[in-house]
PDB file of N, CA and C in Angstrom:
ATOM      1  N   MET A   1      -4.003   5.645 -16.891  1.00  0.00           N
ATOM      2  CA  MET A   1      -3.916   6.556 -15.762  1.00  0.00           C
ATOM      3  C   MET A   1      -4.113   5.795 -14.457  1.00  0.00           C
ATOM      4  N   SER A   2      -3.298   6.076 -13.510  1.00  0.00           N
ATOM      5  CA  SER A   2      -3.319   5.363 -12.238  1.00  0.00           C
ATOM      6  C   SER A   2      -4.438   5.867 -11.333  1.00  0.00           C
ATOM      7  N   SER A   3      -4.973   4.947 -10.559  1.00  0.00           N
ATOM      8  CA  SER A   3      -6.058   5.301  -9.646  1.00  0.00           C
ATOM      9  C   SER A   3      -5.581   5.286  -8.191  1.00  0.00           C
ATOM     10  N   ILE A   4      -4.350   5.683  -7.974  1.00  0.00           N
ATOM     11  CA  ILE A   4      -3.796   5.736  -6.619  1.00  0.00           C
ATOM     12  C   ILE A   4      -4.246   7.031  -5.952  1.00  0.00           C
ATOM     13  N   ILE A   5      -4.661   6.929  -4.709  1.00  0.00           N
ATOM     14  CA  ILE A   5      -5.093   8.087  -3.942  1.00  0.00           C
ATOM     15  C   ILE A   5      -3.977   8.449  -2.962  1.00  0.00           C
ATOM     16  N   ALA A   6      -3.498   9.683  -3.013  1.00  0.00           N
ATOM     17  CA  ALA A   6      -2.508  10.147  -2.042  1.00  0.00           C
ATOM     18  C   ALA A   6      -3.247  10.598  -0.793  1.00  0.00           C
ATOM     19  N   ILE A   7      -2.843  10.070   0.364  1.00  0.00           N
ATOM     20  CA  ILE A   7      -3.534  10.404   1.614  1.00  0.00           C
ATOM     21  C   ILE A   7      -2.556  10.917   2.665  1.00  0.00           C
ATOM     22  N   THR A   8      -3.139  11.475   3.730  1.00  0.00           N
ATOM     23  CA  THR A   8      -2.367  11.959   4.874  1.00  0.00           C
ATOM     24  C   THR A   8      -2.850  11.228   6.126  1.00  0.00           C
ATOM     25  N   ASP A   9      -2.171  11.478   7.239  1.00  0.00           N
ATOM     26  CA  ASP A   9      -2.609  10.892   8.510  1.00  0.00           C
ATOM     27  C   ASP A   9      -4.085  11.171   8.773  1.00  0.00           C
ATOM     28  N   ALA A  10      -4.522  12.386   8.471  1.00  0.00           N
ATOM     29  CA  ALA A  10      -5.903  12.791   8.752  1.00  0.00           C
ATOM     30  C   ALA A  10      -6.922  11.974   7.956  1.00  0.00           C
ATOM     31  N   GLU A  11      -6.520  11.474   6.799  1.00  0.00           N
ATOM     32  CA  GLU A  11      -7.437  10.717   5.943  1.00  0.00           C
ATOM     33  C   GLU A  11      -7.314   9.205   6.108  1.00  0.00           C
ATOM     34  N   PHE A  12      -6.350   8.751   6.901  1.00  0.00           N
ATOM     35  CA  PHE A  12      -6.048   7.330   6.991  1.00  0.00           C
ATOM     36  C   PHE A  12      -7.253   6.501   7.429  1.00  0.00           C
ATOM     37  N   GLU A  13      -7.908   6.935   8.489  1.00  0.00           N
ATOM     38  CA  GLU A  13      -9.050   6.161   8.995  1.00  0.00           C
ATOM     39  C   GLU A  13     -10.144   6.033   7.945  1.00  0.00           C
ATOM     40  N   THR A  14     -10.504   7.134   7.318  1.00  0.00           N
ATOM     41  CA  THR A  14     -11.574   7.128   6.312  1.00  0.00           C
ATOM     42  C   THR A  14     -11.202   6.316   5.088  1.00  0.00           C
ATOM     43  N   GLU A  15     -10.014   6.538   4.544  1.00  0.00           N
ATOM     44  CA  GLU A  15      -9.618   5.911   3.283  1.00  0.00           C
ATOM     45  C   GLU A  15      -9.164   4.461   3.429  1.00  0.00           C
ATOM     46  N   VAL A  16      -8.597   4.116   4.583  1.00  0.00           N
ATOM     47  CA  VAL A  16      -8.036   2.776   4.752  1.00  0.00           C
ATOM     48  C   VAL A  16      -8.878   1.927   5.705  1.00  0.00           C
ATOM     49  N   LEU A  17      -8.996   2.375   6.933  1.00  0.00           N
ATOM     50  CA  LEU A  17      -9.657   1.541   7.947  1.00  0.00           C
ATOM     51  C   LEU A  17     -11.152   1.360   7.706  1.00  0.00           C
ATOM     52  N   LYS A  18     -11.806   2.362   7.136  1.00  0.00           N
ATOM     53  CA  LYS A  18     -13.249   2.264   6.907  1.00  0.00           C
ATOM     54  C   LYS A  18     -13.597   1.822   5.477  1.00  0.00           C
ATOM     55  N   SER A  19     -12.595   1.418   4.723  1.00  0.00           N
ATOM     56  CA  SER A  19     -12.826   0.992   3.346  1.00  0.00           C
ATOM     57  C   SER A  19     -13.583  -0.336   3.309  1.00  0.00           C
ATOM     58  N   GLU A  20     -14.497  -0.445   2.363  1.00  0.00           N
ATOM     59  CA  GLU A  20     -15.248  -1.692   2.178  1.00  0.00           C
ATOM     60  C   GLU A  20     -14.366  -2.760   1.528  1.00  0.00           C
ATOM     61  N   ARG A  21     -13.377  -2.311   0.744  1.00  0.00           N
ATOM     62  CA  ARG A  21     -12.496  -3.236   0.033  1.00  0.00           C
ATOM     63  C   ARG A  21     -11.133  -3.298   0.711  1.00  0.00           C
ATOM     64  N   PRO A  22     -10.359  -4.347   0.431  1.00  0.00           N
ATOM     65  CA  PRO A  22      -8.972  -4.352   0.917  1.00  0.00           C
ATOM     66  C   PRO A  22      -8.228  -3.132   0.371  1.00  0.00           C
ATOM     67  N   VAL A  23      -7.239  -2.667   1.137  1.00  0.00           N
ATOM     68  CA  VAL A  23      -6.474  -1.481   0.745  1.00  0.00           C
ATOM     69  C   VAL A  23      -4.980  -1.788   0.829  1.00  0.00           C
ATOM     70  N   LEU A  24      -4.280  -1.484  -0.258  1.00  0.00           N
ATOM     71  CA  LEU A  24      -2.827  -1.567  -0.254  1.00  0.00           C
ATOM     72  C   LEU A  24      -2.302  -0.164   0.007  1.00  0.00           C
ATOM     73  N   VAL A  25      -1.574   0.000   1.121  1.00  0.00           N
ATOM     74  CA  VAL A  25      -0.988   1.296   1.451  1.00  0.00           C
ATOM     75  C   VAL A  25       0.492   1.248   1.091  1.00  0.00           C
ATOM     76  N   TYR A  26       0.895   2.197   0.263  1.00  0.00           N
ATOM     77  CA  TYR A  26       2.279   2.306  -0.192  1.00  0.00           C
ATOM     78  C   TYR A  26       2.918   3.488   0.520  1.00  0.00           C
ATOM     79  N   PHE A  27       3.812   3.196   1.448  1.00  0.00           N
ATOM     80  CA  PHE A  27       4.552   4.235   2.171  1.00  0.00           C
ATOM     81  C   PHE A  27       5.826   4.532   1.379  1.00  0.00           C
ATOM     82  N   TRP A  28       6.064   5.823   1.100  1.00  0.00           N
ATOM     83  CA  TRP A  28       7.187   6.208   0.256  1.00  0.00           C
ATOM     84  C   TRP A  28       7.780   7.525   0.729  1.00  0.00           C
ATOM     85  N   ALA A  29       8.902   7.894   0.114  1.00  0.00           N
ATOM     86  CA  ALA A  29       9.539   9.189   0.402  1.00  0.00           C
ATOM     87  C   ALA A  29      10.166   9.712  -0.881  1.00  0.00           C
ATOM     88  N   SER A  30      10.167  11.029  -1.027  1.00  0.00           N
ATOM     89  CA  SER A  30      10.710  11.644  -2.243  1.00  0.00           C
ATOM     90  C   SER A  30      12.213  11.417  -2.380  1.00  0.00           C
ATOM     91  N   TRP A  31      12.905  11.236  -1.265  1.00  0.00           N
ATOM     92  CA  TRP A  31      14.348  11.048  -1.279  1.00  0.00           C
ATOM     93  C   TRP A  31      14.762   9.579  -1.430  1.00  0.00           C
ATOM     94  N   CYS A  32      13.803   8.695  -1.562  1.00  0.00           N
ATOM     95  CA  CYS A  32      14.047   7.249  -1.550  1.00  0.00           C
ATOM     96  C   CYS A  32      14.242   6.700  -2.964  1.00  0.00           C
ATOM     97  N   GLY A  33      15.460   6.249  -3.250  1.00  0.00           N
ATOM     98  CA  GLY A  33      15.759   5.664  -4.558  1.00  0.00           C
ATOM     99  C   GLY A  33      14.941   4.412  -4.856  1.00  0.00           C
ATOM    100  N   PRO A  34      14.902   3.422  -3.941  1.00  0.00           N
ATOM    101  CA  PRO A  34      14.102   2.222  -4.200  1.00  0.00           C
ATOM    102  C   PRO A  34      12.604   2.520  -4.412  1.00  0.00           C
ATOM    103  N   CYS A  35      12.121   3.614  -3.819  1.00  0.00           N
ATOM    104  CA  CYS A  35      10.712   3.986  -4.024  1.00  0.00           C
ATOM    105  C   CYS A  35      10.455   4.288  -5.508  1.00  0.00           C
ATOM    106  N   ARG A  36      11.434   4.911  -6.156  1.00  0.00           N
ATOM    107  CA  ARG A  36      11.281   5.218  -7.586  1.00  0.00           C
ATOM    108  C   ARG A  36      11.222   3.941  -8.418  1.00  0.00           C
ATOM    109  N   LEU A  37      11.869   2.887  -7.945  1.00  0.00           N
ATOM    110  CA  LEU A  37      11.829   1.603  -8.651  1.00  0.00           C
ATOM    111  C   LEU A  37      10.491   0.888  -8.427  1.00  0.00           C
ATOM    112  N   VAL A  38       9.939   1.024  -7.245  1.00  0.00           N
ATOM    113  CA  VAL A  38       8.701   0.314  -6.890  1.00  0.00           C
ATOM    114  C   VAL A  38       7.455   1.049  -7.390  1.00  0.00           C
ATOM    115  N   SER A  39       7.526   2.360  -7.519  1.00  0.00           N
ATOM    116  CA  SER A  39       6.338   3.141  -7.908  1.00  0.00           C
ATOM    117  C   SER A  39       5.638   2.644  -9.173  1.00  0.00           C
ATOM    118  N   PRO A  40       6.359   2.310 -10.254  1.00  0.00           N
ATOM    119  CA  PRO A  40       5.648   1.806 -11.437  1.00  0.00           C
ATOM    120  C   PRO A  40       4.876   0.509 -11.163  1.00  0.00           C
ATOM    121  N   THR A  41       5.416  -0.335 -10.308  1.00  0.00           N
ATOM    122  CA  THR A  41       4.724  -1.582  -9.953  1.00  0.00           C
ATOM    123  C   THR A  41       3.464  -1.287  -9.155  1.00  0.00           C
ATOM    124  N   VAL A  42       3.545  -0.331  -8.238  1.00  0.00           N
ATOM    125  CA  VAL A  42       2.357   0.055  -7.456  1.00  0.00           C
ATOM    126  C   VAL A  42       1.301   0.653  -8.391  1.00  0.00           C
ATOM    127  N   ASN A  43       1.738   1.449  -9.364  1.00  0.00           N
ATOM    128  CA  ASN A  43       0.797   1.991 -10.357  1.00  0.00           C
ATOM    129  C   ASN A  43       0.141   0.866 -11.148  1.00  0.00           C
ATOM    130  N   TRP A  44       0.931  -0.138 -11.520  1.00  0.00           N
ATOM    131  CA  TRP A  44       0.399  -1.282 -12.258  1.00  0.00           C
ATOM    132  C   TRP A  44      -0.664  -2.007 -11.421  1.00  0.00           C
ATOM    133  N   VAL A  45      -0.389  -2.184 -10.131  1.00  0.00           N
ATOM    134  CA  VAL A  45      -1.357  -2.826  -9.241  1.00  0.00           C
ATOM    135  C   VAL A  45      -2.648  -2.013  -9.194  1.00  0.00           C
ATOM    136  N   ALA A  46      -2.516  -0.700  -9.060  1.00  0.00           N
ATOM    137  CA  ALA A  46      -3.712   0.153  -9.001  1.00  0.00           C
ATOM    138  C   ALA A  46      -4.554  -0.005 -10.262  1.00  0.00           C
ATOM    139  N   ASP A  47      -3.901  -0.130 -11.403  1.00  0.00           N
ATOM    140  CA  ASP A  47      -4.623  -0.271 -12.669  1.00  0.00           C
ATOM    141  C   ASP A  47      -5.209  -1.668 -12.859  1.00  0.00           C
ATOM    142  N   ASN A  48      -4.492  -2.697 -12.423  1.00  0.00           N
ATOM    143  CA  ASN A  48      -4.891  -4.066 -12.723  1.00  0.00           C
ATOM    144  C   ASN A  48      -5.681  -4.763 -11.618  1.00  0.00           C
ATOM    145  N   TYR A  49      -5.665  -4.224 -10.422  1.00  0.00           N
ATOM    146  CA  TYR A  49      -6.404  -4.831  -9.315  1.00  0.00           C
ATOM    147  C   TYR A  49      -7.542  -3.938  -8.830  1.00  0.00           C
ATOM    148  N   SER A  50      -7.883  -2.927  -9.606  1.00  0.00           N
ATOM    149  CA  SER A  50      -8.865  -1.937  -9.146  1.00  0.00           C
ATOM    150  C   SER A  50     -10.236  -2.545  -8.844  1.00  0.00           C
ATOM    151  N   ASP A  51     -10.526  -3.703  -9.411  1.00  0.00           N
ATOM    152  CA  ASP A  51     -11.810  -4.359  -9.136  1.00  0.00           C
ATOM    153  C   ASP A  51     -11.837  -5.027  -7.763  1.00  0.00           C
ATOM    154  N   ARG A  52     -10.660  -5.320  -7.185  1.00  0.00           N
ATOM    155  CA  ARG A  52     -10.588  -6.046  -5.916  1.00  0.00           C
ATOM    156  C   ARG A  52      -9.914  -5.280  -4.796  1.00  0.00           C
ATOM    157  N   LEU A  53      -9.298  -4.150  -5.134  1.00  0.00           N
ATOM    158  CA  LEU A  53      -8.372  -3.526  -4.206  1.00  0.00           C
ATOM    159  C   LEU A  53      -8.329  -2.023  -4.414  1.00  0.00           C
ATOM    160  N   LYS A  54      -8.181  -1.320  -3.323  1.00  0.00           N
ATOM    161  CA  LYS A  54      -7.958   0.127  -3.370  1.00  0.00           C
ATOM    162  C   LYS A  54      -6.479   0.348  -3.066  1.00  0.00           C
ATOM    163  N   VAL A  55      -5.844   1.265  -3.785  1.00  0.00           N
ATOM    164  CA  VAL A  55      -4.427   1.543  -3.562  1.00  0.00           C
ATOM    165  C   VAL A  55      -4.275   2.997  -3.137  1.00  0.00           C
ATOM    166  N   VAL A  56      -3.604   3.202  -2.003  1.00  0.00           N
ATOM    167  CA  VAL A  56      -3.317   4.558  -1.543  1.00  0.00           C
ATOM    168  C   VAL A  56      -1.822   4.672  -1.301  1.00  0.00           C
ATOM    169  N   LYS A  57      -1.323   5.909  -1.422  1.00  0.00           N
ATOM    170  CA  LYS A  57       0.087   6.122  -1.107  1.00  0.00           C
ATOM    171  C   LYS A  57       0.198   7.221  -0.066  1.00  0.00           C
ATOM    172  N   MET A  58       1.210   7.067   0.750  1.00  0.00           N
ATOM    173  CA  MET A  58       1.381   7.984   1.868  1.00  0.00           C
ATOM    174  C   MET A  58       2.857   8.328   1.998  1.00  0.00           C
ATOM    175  N   GLU A  59       3.160   9.613   1.884  1.00  0.00           N
ATOM    176  CA  GLU A  59       4.550  10.052   2.057  1.00  0.00           C
ATOM    177  C   GLU A  59       4.881   9.993   3.551  1.00  0.00           C
ATOM    178  N   VAL A  60       5.996   9.362   3.884  1.00  0.00           N
ATOM    179  CA  VAL A  60       6.289   9.103   5.293  1.00  0.00           C
ATOM    180  C   VAL A  60       6.640  10.343   6.105  1.00  0.00           C
ATOM    181  N   ASP A  61       7.424  11.263   5.557  1.00  0.00           N
ATOM    182  CA  ASP A  61       7.910  12.389   6.355  1.00  0.00           C
ATOM    183  C   ASP A  61       6.802  13.280   6.931  1.00  0.00           C
ATOM    184  N   PRO A  62       5.790  13.677   6.158  1.00  0.00           N
ATOM    185  CA  PRO A  62       4.750  14.531   6.740  1.00  0.00           C
ATOM    186  C   PRO A  62       3.641  13.767   7.466  1.00  0.00           C
ATOM    187  N   ASN A  63       3.743  12.437   7.554  1.00  0.00           N
ATOM    188  CA  ASN A  63       2.664  11.632   8.144  1.00  0.00           C
ATOM    189  C   ASN A  63       3.194  10.650   9.185  1.00  0.00           C
ATOM    190  N   PRO A  64       3.718  11.177  10.293  1.00  0.00           N
ATOM    191  CA  PRO A  64       4.372  10.306  11.276  1.00  0.00           C
ATOM    192  C   PRO A  64       3.419   9.385  12.045  1.00  0.00           C
ATOM    193  N   ASN A  65       2.156   9.724  12.142  1.00  0.00           N
ATOM    194  CA  ASN A  65       1.243   8.905  12.949  1.00  0.00           C
ATOM    195  C   ASN A  65       1.045   7.506  12.372  1.00  0.00           C
ATOM    196  N   ALA A  66       0.679   7.432  11.100  1.00  0.00           N
ATOM    197  CA  ALA A  66       0.478   6.119  10.473  1.00  0.00           C
ATOM    198  C   ALA A  66       1.797   5.359  10.383  1.00  0.00           C
ATOM    199  N   VAL A  67       2.879   6.077  10.103  1.00  0.00           N
ATOM    200  CA  VAL A  67       4.198   5.453  10.020  1.00  0.00           C
ATOM    201  C   VAL A  67       4.533   4.777  11.338  1.00  0.00           C
ATOM    202  N   SER A  68       4.286   5.461  12.431  1.00  0.00           N
ATOM    203  CA  SER A  68       4.560   4.911  13.753  1.00  0.00           C
ATOM    204  C   SER A  68       3.595   3.776  14.098  1.00  0.00           C
ATOM    205  N   GLN A  69       2.318   4.011  13.873  1.00  0.00           N
ATOM    206  CA  GLN A  69       1.300   3.024  14.245  1.00  0.00           C
ATOM    207  C   GLN A  69       1.483   1.694  13.516  1.00  0.00           C
ATOM    208  N   TYR A  70       1.889   1.747  12.248  1.00  0.00           N
ATOM    209  CA  TYR A  70       2.027   0.524  11.464  1.00  0.00           C
ATOM    210  C   TYR A  70       3.479   0.109  11.289  1.00  0.00           C
ATOM    211  N   LYS A  71       4.336   0.633  12.177  1.00  0.00           N
ATOM    212  CA  LYS A  71       5.724   0.213  12.314  1.00  0.00           C
ATOM    213  C   LYS A  71       6.492   0.191  10.993  1.00  0.00           C
ATOM    214  N   VAL A  72       6.364   1.286  10.255  1.00  0.00           N
ATOM    215  CA  VAL A  72       7.126   1.423   9.020  1.00  0.00           C
ATOM    216  C   VAL A  72       8.548   1.832   9.400  1.00  0.00           C
ATOM    217  N   GLU A  73       9.494   0.945   9.182  1.00  0.00           N
ATOM    218  CA  GLU A  73      10.873   1.212   9.572  1.00  0.00           C
ATOM    219  C   GLU A  73      11.758   1.566   8.395  1.00  0.00           C
ATOM    220  N   GLY A  74      11.281   1.319   7.197  1.00  0.00           N
ATOM    221  CA  GLY A  74      12.047   1.660   6.000  1.00  0.00           C
ATOM    222  C   GLY A  74      11.095   1.850   4.838  1.00  0.00           C
ATOM    223  N   VAL A  75      11.545   2.551   3.830  1.00  0.00           N
ATOM    224  CA  VAL A  75      10.725   2.757   2.640  1.00  0.00           C
ATOM    225  C   VAL A  75      11.491   2.241   1.431  1.00  0.00           C
ATOM    226  N   PRO A  76      10.782   1.773   0.420  1.00  0.00           N
ATOM    227  CA  PRO A  76       9.327   1.676   0.346  1.00  0.00           C
ATOM    228  C   PRO A  76       8.791   0.599   1.290  1.00  0.00           C
ATOM    229  N   ALA A  77       7.575   0.811   1.727  1.00  0.00           N
ATOM    230  CA  ALA A  77       6.905  -0.172   2.572  1.00  0.00           C
ATOM    231  C   ALA A  77       5.476  -0.347   2.080  1.00  0.00           C
ATOM    232  N   LEU A  78       5.001  -1.562   2.159  1.00  0.00           N
ATOM    233  CA  LEU A  78       3.635  -1.877   1.744  1.00  0.00           C
ATOM    234  C   LEU A  78       2.908  -2.520   2.906  1.00  0.00           C
ATOM    235  N   ARG A  79       1.677  -2.107   3.120  1.00  0.00           N
ATOM    236  CA  ARG A  79       0.809  -2.730   4.118  1.00  0.00           C
ATOM    237  C   ARG A  79      -0.520  -3.017   3.432  1.00  0.00           C
ATOM    238  N   LEU A  80      -0.944  -4.264   3.512  1.00  0.00           N
ATOM    239  CA  LEU A  80      -2.225  -4.646   2.932  1.00  0.00           C
ATOM    240  C   LEU A  80      -3.233  -4.785   4.063  1.00  0.00           C
ATOM    241  N   PHE A  81      -4.276  -3.966   3.998  1.00  0.00           N
ATOM    242  CA  PHE A  81      -5.311  -3.945   5.030  1.00  0.00           C
ATOM    243  C   PHE A  81      -6.561  -4.629   4.521  1.00  0.00           C
ATOM    244  N   LYS A  82      -7.174  -5.389   5.417  1.00  0.00           N
ATOM    245  CA  LYS A  82      -8.475  -5.985   5.122  1.00  0.00           C
ATOM    246  C   LYS A  82      -9.250  -5.969   6.434  1.00  0.00           C
ATOM    247  N   GLU A  83     -10.417  -5.366   6.409  1.00  0.00           N
ATOM    248  CA  GLU A  83     -11.272  -5.256   7.598  1.00  0.00           C
ATOM    249  C   GLU A  83     -10.503  -4.675   8.786  1.00  0.00           C
ATOM    250  N   GLN A  84      -9.823  -3.581   8.559  1.00  0.00           N
ATOM    251  CA  GLN A  84      -9.085  -2.789   9.544  1.00  0.00           C
ATOM    252  C   GLN A  84      -7.823  -3.448  10.083  1.00  0.00           C
ATOM    253  N   GLU A  85      -7.449  -4.602   9.546  1.00  0.00           N
ATOM    254  CA  GLU A  85      -6.261  -5.303  10.023  1.00  0.00           C
ATOM    255  C   GLU A  85      -5.206  -5.365   8.923  1.00  0.00           C
ATOM    256  N   VAL A  86      -3.938  -5.329   9.321  1.00  0.00           N
ATOM    257  CA  VAL A  86      -2.858  -5.559   8.364  1.00  0.00           C
ATOM    258  C   VAL A  86      -2.767  -7.066   8.159  1.00  0.00           C
ATOM    259  N   ILE A  87      -3.024  -7.508   6.928  1.00  0.00           N
ATOM    260  CA  ILE A  87      -2.966  -8.944   6.669  1.00  0.00           C
ATOM    261  C   ILE A  87      -1.665  -9.343   5.969  1.00  0.00           C
ATOM    262  N   GLN A  88      -0.931  -8.352   5.462  1.00  0.00           N
ATOM    263  CA  GLN A  88       0.358  -8.637   4.835  1.00  0.00           C
ATOM    264  C   GLN A  88       1.181  -7.354   4.847  1.00  0.00           C
ATOM    265  N   SER A  89       2.480  -7.485   5.037  1.00  0.00           N
ATOM    266  CA  SER A  89       3.338  -6.306   4.980  1.00  0.00           C
ATOM    267  C   SER A  89       4.654  -6.672   4.317  1.00  0.00           C
ATOM    268  N   HIS A  90       5.280  -5.658   3.742  1.00  0.00           N
ATOM    269  CA  HIS A  90       6.568  -5.846   3.073  1.00  0.00           C
ATOM    270  C   HIS A  90       7.340  -4.536   3.174  1.00  0.00           C
ATOM    271  N   GLU A  91       8.612  -4.636   3.473  1.00  0.00           N
ATOM    272  CA  GLU A  91       9.467  -3.450   3.481  1.00  0.00           C
ATOM    273  C   GLU A  91      10.603  -3.655   2.503  1.00  0.00           C
ATOM    274  N   GLY A  92      10.968  -2.590   1.820  1.00  0.00           N
ATOM    275  CA  GLY A  92      12.035  -2.654   0.839  1.00  0.00           C
ATOM    276  C   GLY A  92      11.467  -2.857  -0.554  1.00  0.00           C
ATOM    277  N   ALA A  93      12.368  -2.839  -1.533  1.00  0.00           N
ATOM    278  CA  ALA A  93      11.940  -2.998  -2.919  1.00  0.00           C
ATOM    279  C   ALA A  93      11.333  -4.386  -3.112  1.00  0.00           C
ATOM    280  N   ILE A  94      10.375  -4.472  -4.025  1.00  0.00           N
ATOM    281  CA  ILE A  94       9.730  -5.734  -4.352  1.00  0.00           C
ATOM    282  C   ILE A  94       9.513  -5.769  -5.859  1.00  0.00           C
ATOM    283  N   THR A  95       9.669  -6.939  -6.423  1.00  0.00           N
ATOM    284  CA  THR A  95       9.458  -7.067  -7.868  1.00  0.00           C
ATOM    285  C   THR A  95       7.963  -7.083  -8.164  1.00  0.00           C
ATOM    286  N   LYS A  96       7.643  -6.820  -9.419  1.00  0.00           N
ATOM    287  CA  LYS A  96       6.247  -6.877  -9.841  1.00  0.00           C
ATOM    288  C   LYS A  96       5.683  -8.278  -9.577  1.00  0.00           C
ATOM    289  N   GLN A  97       6.469  -9.305  -9.918  1.00  0.00           N
ATOM    290  CA  GLN A  97       6.019 -10.688  -9.693  1.00  0.00           C
ATOM    291  C   GLN A  97       5.827 -10.965  -8.208  1.00  0.00           C
ATOM    292  N   GLY A  98       6.734 -10.468  -7.384  1.00  0.00           N
ATOM    293  CA  GLY A  98       6.624 -10.674  -5.944  1.00  0.00           C
ATOM    294  C   GLY A  98       5.368 -10.034  -5.373  1.00  0.00           C
ATOM    295  N   LEU A  99       5.095  -8.810  -5.814  1.00  0.00           N
ATOM    296  CA  LEU A  99       3.907  -8.111  -5.330  1.00  0.00           C
ATOM    297  C   LEU A  99       2.640  -8.781  -5.847  1.00  0.00           C
ATOM    298  N   GLN A 100       2.663  -9.194  -7.091  1.00  0.00           N
ATOM    299  CA  GLN A 100       1.503  -9.875  -7.677  1.00  0.00           C
ATOM    300  C   GLN A 100       1.211 -11.168  -6.916  1.00  0.00           C
ATOM    301  N   THR A 101       2.236 -11.940  -6.614  1.00  0.00           N
ATOM    302  CA  THR A 101       2.067 -13.186  -5.860  1.00  0.00           C
ATOM    303  C   THR A 101       1.498 -12.905  -4.470  1.00  0.00           C
ATOM    304  N   MET A 102       2.045 -11.879  -3.793  1.00  0.00           N
ATOM    305  CA  MET A 102       1.564 -11.509  -2.472  1.00  0.00           C
ATOM    306  C   MET A 102       0.071 -11.158  -2.520  1.00  0.00           C
ATOM    307  N   LEU A 103      -0.315 -10.340  -3.492  1.00  0.00           N
ATOM    308  CA  LEU A 103      -1.707  -9.904  -3.579  1.00  0.00           C
ATOM    309  C   LEU A 103      -2.627 -11.064  -3.962  1.00  0.00           C
ATOM    310  N   ASP A 104      -2.205 -11.876  -4.930  1.00  0.00           N
ATOM    311  CA  ASP A 104      -3.033 -12.999  -5.350  1.00  0.00           C
ATOM    312  C   ASP A 104      -3.276 -13.962  -4.197  1.00  0.00           C
ATOM    313  N   THR A 105      -2.247 -14.189  -3.387  1.00  0.00           N
ATOM    314  CA  THR A 105      -2.376 -15.082  -2.233  1.00  0.00           C
ATOM    315  C   THR A 105      -3.351 -14.510  -1.205  1.00  0.00           C
ATOM    316  N   CYS A 106      -3.235 -13.211  -0.930  1.00  0.00           N
ATOM    317  CA  CYS A 106      -4.056 -12.580   0.103  1.00  0.00           C
ATOM    318  C   CYS A 106      -5.486 -12.286  -0.354  1.00  0.00           C
ATOM    319  N   LEU A 107      -5.667 -12.083  -1.647  1.00  0.00           N
ATOM    320  CA  LEU A 107      -6.983 -11.670  -2.137  1.00  0.00           C
ATOM    321  C   LEU A 107      -7.804 -12.809  -2.728  1.00  0.00           C
ATOM    322  N   SER A 108      -7.216 -13.995  -2.786  1.00  0.00           N
ATOM    323  CA  SER A 108      -7.970 -15.107  -3.341  1.00  0.00           C
ATOM    324  C   SER A 108      -9.134 -15.436  -2.412  1.00  0.00           C
ATOM    325  N   PRO A 109     -10.274 -15.800  -2.975  1.00  0.00           N
ATOM    326  CA  PRO A 109     -11.428 -16.128  -2.136  1.00  0.00           C
ATOM    327  C   PRO A 109     -11.107 -17.311  -1.220  1.00  0.00           C
ATOM    328  N   ALA A 110     -11.600 -17.244  -0.027  1.00  0.00           N
ATOM    329  CA  ALA A 110     -11.370 -18.335   0.926  1.00  0.00           C
ATOM    330  C   ALA A 110     -12.023 -19.605   0.380  1.00  0.00           C
ATOM    331  N   SER A 111     -11.269 -20.688   0.413  1.00  0.00           N
ATOM    332  CA  SER A 111     -11.808 -21.930  -0.149  1.00  0.00           C
ATOM    333  C   SER A 111     -12.456 -22.798   0.912  1.00  0.00           C
TER     334      SER A 111
END
């Protein structure tokens, strides 16, 4: 079972910006074909990175504030937040390996 939290603009600050852990925000839309391809990978991340990362998803159409603020120009879109800052972003479909590499690079302990 996936541990993804669906959020709205009203919950963004609490769930993302004030999070103690890094947060992967998955921006999606019900009408988006590539989103259906990426969703299983995002679910996999939520299940396999839950010890290091919080995963939230946000539907773009009813949540224009976060979409505008974080310059989401296409879906699917991913924004990785750490300490209130976007440390990595990706727009468009991404492979499981691509997302895993992105997260491993960003979440590895500073050497």
